[in-house]
Amino acid sequence: MQTHSDIKKYRCAKCSKTFSRMSLLNKHTENCLQQQQQQQHVTTSTNHSTADDCTSTTTIVPAAFSL
């Protein structure tokens, strides 16, 4: 009954997904934290490599030569 009920009493604090059983929430919470940590790592790595990318080119145009 609890599994198929529309009432979901347990909510993930990180992503707000709801669950009918505490055990399902606990299992989800472990995976949710790992996924968020991986996403933060990817975002940090991407931002870091973009900032330090020596191959990027920026064209500086003096004000007198506006495009």
N, C-alpha and C. Protein backbone atom coordinates (compact mmCIF):
# COMPACT_ATOMS: atom_id res chain seq x y z
N MET A 1 0.83 -1.20 0.00
CA MET A 1 0.00 0.00 0.00
C MET A 1 0.86 1.25 0.00
N GLN A 2 1.88 1.26 0.83
CA GLN A 2 2.72 2.45 0.96
C GLN A 2 3.48 2.74 -0.34
N THR A 3 3.94 1.72 -1.00
CA THR A 3 4.69 1.90 -2.24
C THR A 3 3.85 2.51 -3.35
N HIS A 4 2.61 2.08 -3.47
CA HIS A 4 1.76 2.53 -4.56
C HIS A 4 0.87 3.73 -4.23
N SER A 5 1.00 4.22 -3.03
CA SER A 5 0.21 5.36 -2.60
C SER A 5 0.70 6.64 -3.27
N ASP A 6 -0.20 7.58 -3.46
CA ASP A 6 0.19 8.88 -4.02
C ASP A 6 0.83 9.77 -2.97
N ILE A 7 0.76 9.36 -1.73
CA ILE A 7 1.33 10.15 -0.64
C ILE A 7 2.81 9.80 -0.50
N LYS A 8 3.64 10.79 -0.68
CA LYS A 8 5.08 10.61 -0.57
C LYS A 8 5.55 11.47 0.60
N LYS A 9 5.79 10.83 1.74
CA LYS A 9 6.08 11.54 2.97
C LYS A 9 7.54 11.97 3.11
N TYR A 10 8.43 11.39 2.33
CA TYR A 10 9.86 11.63 2.52
C TYR A 10 10.42 12.40 1.33
N ARG A 11 11.12 13.50 1.62
CA ARG A 11 11.63 14.40 0.57
C ARG A 11 13.14 14.57 0.69
N CYS A 12 13.83 14.50 -0.44
CA CYS A 12 15.27 14.73 -0.48
C CYS A 12 15.54 16.22 -0.25
N ALA A 13 16.43 16.53 0.66
CA ALA A 13 16.76 17.92 0.98
C ALA A 13 17.57 18.59 -0.14
N LYS A 14 18.22 17.81 -0.97
CA LYS A 14 19.06 18.37 -2.03
C LYS A 14 18.29 18.65 -3.32
N CYS A 15 17.43 17.73 -3.74
CA CYS A 15 16.76 17.90 -5.03
C CYS A 15 15.23 17.93 -4.94
N SER A 16 14.70 17.76 -3.74
CA SER A 16 13.25 17.82 -3.47
C SER A 16 12.45 16.66 -4.05
N LYS A 17 13.08 15.63 -4.52
CA LYS A 17 12.36 14.45 -5.00
C LYS A 17 11.72 13.75 -3.81
N THR A 18 10.51 13.22 -4.00
CA THR A 18 9.79 12.61 -2.88
C THR A 18 9.72 11.09 -3.01
N PHE A 19 9.58 10.44 -1.85
CA PHE A 19 9.56 8.98 -1.78
C PHE A 19 8.52 8.52 -0.79
N SER A 20 7.99 7.33 -1.02
CA SER A 20 6.98 6.76 -0.13
C SER A 20 7.60 6.08 1.08
N ARG A 21 8.86 5.67 0.97
CA ARG A 21 9.52 4.96 2.07
C ARG A 21 10.85 5.59 2.41
N MET A 22 11.18 5.60 3.69
CA MET A 22 12.43 6.18 4.17
C MET A 22 13.64 5.45 3.57
N SER A 23 13.52 4.14 3.40
CA SER A 23 14.65 3.37 2.84
C SER A 23 14.97 3.82 1.42
N LEU A 24 13.94 4.15 0.64
CA LEU A 24 14.16 4.63 -0.72
C LEU A 24 14.81 6.01 -0.71
N LEU A 25 14.40 6.84 0.22
CA LEU A 25 15.02 8.16 0.36
C LEU A 25 16.49 8.02 0.74
N ASN A 26 16.79 7.15 1.69
CA ASN A 26 18.18 6.95 2.11
C ASN A 26 19.05 6.48 0.95
N LYS A 27 18.56 5.56 0.17
CA LYS A 27 19.31 5.05 -0.99
C LYS A 27 19.51 6.17 -2.00
N HIS A 28 18.46 6.94 -2.26
CA HIS A 28 18.53 8.06 -3.19
C HIS A 28 19.52 9.12 -2.71
N THR A 29 19.48 9.42 -1.41
CA THR A 29 20.32 10.47 -0.85
C THR A 29 21.80 10.19 -1.10
N GLU A 30 22.23 8.96 -0.95
CA GLU A 30 23.62 8.59 -1.22
C GLU A 30 23.98 8.91 -2.67
N ASN A 31 23.14 8.49 -3.60
CA ASN A 31 23.40 8.72 -5.02
C ASN A 31 23.30 10.20 -5.37
N CYS A 32 22.36 10.90 -4.78
CA CYS A 32 22.13 12.30 -5.06
C CYS A 32 23.36 13.12 -4.65
N LEU A 33 23.91 12.83 -3.48
CA LEU A 33 25.10 13.54 -3.01
C LEU A 33 26.29 13.28 -3.92
N GLN A 34 26.47 12.03 -4.33
CA GLN A 34 27.57 11.68 -5.23
C GLN A 34 27.43 12.41 -6.56
N GLN A 35 26.23 12.45 -7.12
CA GLN A 35 26.00 13.12 -8.40
C GLN A 35 26.27 14.62 -8.29
N GLN A 36 25.84 15.23 -7.20
CA GLN A 36 26.06 16.66 -7.02
C GLN A 36 27.55 16.95 -6.87
N GLN A 37 28.27 16.11 -6.15
CA GLN A 37 29.71 16.30 -6.00
C GLN A 37 30.42 16.15 -7.34
N GLN A 38 29.99 15.19 -8.15
CA GLN A 38 30.59 15.00 -9.47
C GLN A 38 30.29 16.19 -10.36
N GLN A 39 29.07 16.71 -10.31
CA GLN A 39 28.70 17.87 -11.12
C GLN A 39 29.50 19.09 -10.70
N GLN A 40 29.71 19.28 -9.40
CA GLN A 40 30.50 20.40 -8.92
C GLN A 40 31.94 20.26 -9.39
N HIS A 41 32.46 19.05 -9.36
CA HIS A 41 33.83 18.81 -9.80
C HIS A 41 33.98 19.12 -11.29
N VAL A 42 33.03 18.67 -12.09
CA VAL A 42 33.06 18.92 -13.53
C VAL A 42 32.96 20.42 -13.80
N THR A 43 32.05 21.10 -13.10
CA THR A 43 31.88 22.54 -13.29
C THR A 43 33.15 23.27 -12.89
N THR A 44 33.75 22.91 -11.77
CA THR A 44 34.97 23.55 -11.31
C THR A 44 36.10 23.29 -12.29
N SER A 45 36.22 22.05 -12.78
CA SER A 45 37.27 21.72 -13.74
C SER A 45 37.07 22.48 -15.04
N THR A 46 35.84 22.58 -15.50
CA THR A 46 35.54 23.29 -16.74
C THR A 46 35.87 24.77 -16.60
N ASN A 47 35.44 25.37 -15.50
CA ASN A 47 35.73 26.78 -15.27
C ASN A 47 37.22 27.03 -15.14
N HIS A 48 37.92 26.13 -14.48
CA HIS A 48 39.35 26.28 -14.29
C HIS A 48 40.09 26.18 -15.62
N SER A 49 39.77 25.19 -16.42
CA SER A 49 40.48 25.01 -17.68
C SER A 49 40.16 26.14 -18.65
N THR A 50 38.96 26.68 -18.62
CA THR A 50 38.61 27.79 -19.50
C THR A 50 39.40 29.03 -19.13
N ALA A 51 39.56 29.27 -17.84
CA ALA A 51 40.27 30.46 -17.39
C ALA A 51 41.76 30.38 -17.72
N ASP A 52 42.32 29.17 -17.71
CA ASP A 52 43.75 28.99 -17.94
C ASP A 52 44.08 28.53 -19.36
N ASP A 53 43.13 28.56 -20.25
CA ASP A 53 43.32 28.06 -21.60
C ASP A 53 44.19 29.04 -22.40
N CYS A 54 45.40 28.61 -22.73
CA CYS A 54 46.32 29.48 -23.45
C CYS A 54 46.01 29.54 -24.94
N THR A 55 45.14 28.66 -25.41
CA THR A 55 44.84 28.63 -26.84
C THR A 55 43.69 29.57 -27.21
N SER A 56 42.99 30.09 -26.20
CA SER A 56 41.88 30.98 -26.54
C SER A 56 42.44 32.30 -27.04
N THR A 57 41.75 32.87 -27.99
CA THR A 57 42.21 34.13 -28.55
C THR A 57 41.19 35.22 -28.30
N THR A 58 41.71 36.38 -27.95
CA THR A 58 40.86 37.53 -27.72
C THR A 58 41.40 38.65 -28.58
N THR A 59 40.55 39.23 -29.38
CA THR A 59 40.97 40.34 -30.22
C THR A 59 40.67 41.64 -29.50
N ILE A 60 41.72 42.43 -29.33
CA ILE A 60 41.55 43.73 -28.68
C ILE A 60 41.58 44.78 -29.77
N VAL A 61 40.51 45.53 -29.86
CA VAL A 61 40.40 46.57 -30.88
C VAL A 61 40.43 47.92 -30.19
N PRO A 62 41.38 48.79 -30.54
CA PRO A 62 41.41 50.11 -29.94
C PRO A 62 40.12 50.87 -30.26
N ALA A 63 39.73 51.79 -29.39
CA ALA A 63 38.50 52.52 -29.53
C ALA A 63 38.42 53.28 -30.87
N ALA A 64 39.55 53.74 -31.38
CA ALA A 64 39.57 54.50 -32.62
C ALA A 64 39.23 53.61 -33.83
N PHE A 65 39.38 52.31 -33.67
CA PHE A 65 39.12 51.38 -34.76
C PHE A 65 37.91 50.49 -34.45
N SER A 66 36.83 51.06 -34.05
CA SER A 66 35.67 50.26 -33.66
C SER A 66 35.12 49.50 -34.86
N LEU A 67 34.62 48.34 -34.57
CA LEU A 67 34.10 47.48 -35.63
C LEU A 67 32.67 47.76 -35.89
